[in-house]
Amino acid sequence: MSTTESDTPPDGLQVPTSPTPQLSSRETEILSLIVRGLSNQEIADAAYLSINSVKTYIRTAYKKMGVTRRSQAVVWAMQHGFEPPPAGKD
């Protein structure tokens, strides 16, 4: 399996080696950026997406995870192997 640029997690963020089966790779990428604490606009800039695309990915990921709030999504992500960057590393 080859690694592509879209498979590379943002600096300092540990993403599970096997993505959670129900989330697409783009949803996993967006979720990892949420765990880092980025705003929707910052996610759009980092992922080269429109703000509306980011909101759509977030909405579909939330449905798949069974959450309704950003804080719940972060907790879900942490329980499924996502780790925030170490303190002091931005």
Protein backbone atom coordinates (compact mmCIF):
# COMPACT_ATOMS: atom_id res chain seq x y z
CA MET A 1 0.00 0.00 0.00
CA SER A 2 1.53 3.31 -1.04
CA THR A 3 1.33 6.47 0.98
CA THR A 4 -0.07 9.50 -0.77
CA GLU A 5 0.03 13.10 0.31
CA SER A 6 -3.61 12.96 1.45
CA ASP A 7 -2.76 10.04 3.77
CA THR A 8 -0.17 12.12 5.63
CA PRO A 9 -1.49 13.45 8.95
CA PRO A 10 -0.90 17.08 9.93
CA ASP A 11 2.32 17.77 11.82
CA GLY A 12 2.26 16.54 15.39
CA LEU A 13 -0.96 14.55 15.16
CA GLN A 14 -1.05 10.81 15.59
CA VAL A 15 -3.76 9.22 13.45
CA PRO A 16 -4.59 5.52 13.76
CA THR A 17 -2.71 3.40 11.24
CA SER A 18 -5.89 1.67 10.18
CA PRO A 19 -8.58 4.29 9.60
CA THR A 20 -11.88 3.82 11.33
CA PRO A 21 -13.88 1.75 8.83
CA GLN A 22 -17.00 3.88 8.69
CA LEU A 23 -15.20 7.18 7.97
CA SER A 24 -13.83 8.07 4.55
CA SER A 25 -10.19 9.12 4.29
CA ARG A 26 -11.26 12.76 3.82
CA GLU A 27 -13.55 12.59 6.86
CA THR A 28 -10.66 11.10 8.84
CA GLU A 29 -8.42 13.96 7.70
CA ILE A 30 -11.02 16.56 8.68
CA LEU A 31 -11.56 14.88 12.06
CA SER A 32 -7.82 14.88 12.75
CA LEU A 33 -7.75 18.62 12.09
CA ILE A 34 -10.70 19.12 14.45
CA VAL A 35 -8.78 17.22 17.15
CA ARG A 36 -5.90 19.67 16.63
CA GLY A 37 -8.31 22.48 17.49
CA LEU A 38 -8.56 24.08 14.05
CA SER A 39 -11.59 26.15 13.12
CA ASN A 40 -13.66 25.30 10.04
CA GLN A 41 -11.91 28.07 8.09
CA GLU A 42 -8.47 26.84 9.17
CA ILE A 43 -9.44 23.31 8.11
CA ALA A 44 -10.62 24.62 4.74
CA ASP A 45 -7.30 26.41 4.23
CA ALA A 46 -5.21 23.40 5.32
CA ALA A 47 -7.17 20.87 3.24
CA TYR A 48 -7.62 23.13 0.19
CA LEU A 49 -11.41 22.90 0.42
CA SER A 50 -14.22 25.41 0.50
CA ILE A 51 -15.76 26.17 3.87
CA ASN A 52 -19.01 24.57 2.65
CA SER A 53 -17.19 21.35 1.73
CA VAL A 54 -15.62 21.26 5.19
CA LYS A 55 -19.03 21.69 6.81
CA THR A 56 -20.43 18.87 4.66
CA TYR A 57 -17.59 16.51 5.59
CA ILE A 58 -18.06 17.38 9.26
CA ARG A 59 -21.82 16.83 9.08
CA THR A 60 -21.49 13.41 7.41
CA ALA A 61 -18.71 12.36 9.80
CA TYR A 62 -20.82 13.40 12.80
CA LYS A 63 -23.71 11.26 11.53
CA LYS A 64 -21.42 8.24 11.11
CA MET A 65 -19.92 8.77 14.58
CA GLY A 66 -23.30 9.38 16.20
CA VAL A 67 -22.36 12.76 17.65
CA THR A 68 -23.89 16.22 17.39
CA ARG A 69 -21.21 18.52 18.84
CA ARG A 70 -17.58 19.25 18.10
CA SER A 71 -16.57 18.35 21.66
CA GLN A 72 -18.31 14.96 21.30
CA ALA A 73 -16.44 14.40 18.02
CA VAL A 74 -13.11 15.06 19.76
CA VAL A 75 -13.95 12.61 22.55
CA TRP A 76 -15.02 10.00 19.97
CA ALA A 77 -11.79 10.55 18.04
CA MET A 78 -9.66 10.16 21.16
CA GLN A 79 -11.47 6.91 22.01
CA HIS A 80 -10.73 5.64 18.49
CA GLY A 81 -6.99 6.25 18.49
CA PHE A 82 -6.56 9.86 17.42
CA GLU A 83 -4.09 11.77 19.57
CA PRO A 84 -3.61 15.52 19.79
CA PRO A 85 -0.16 17.01 19.18
CA PRO A 86 2.10 17.20 22.22
CA ALA A 87 1.70 20.32 24.36
CA GLY A 88 3.72 23.25 23.08
CA LYS A 89 4.00 21.83 19.54
CA ASP A 90 2.20 23.98 16.95
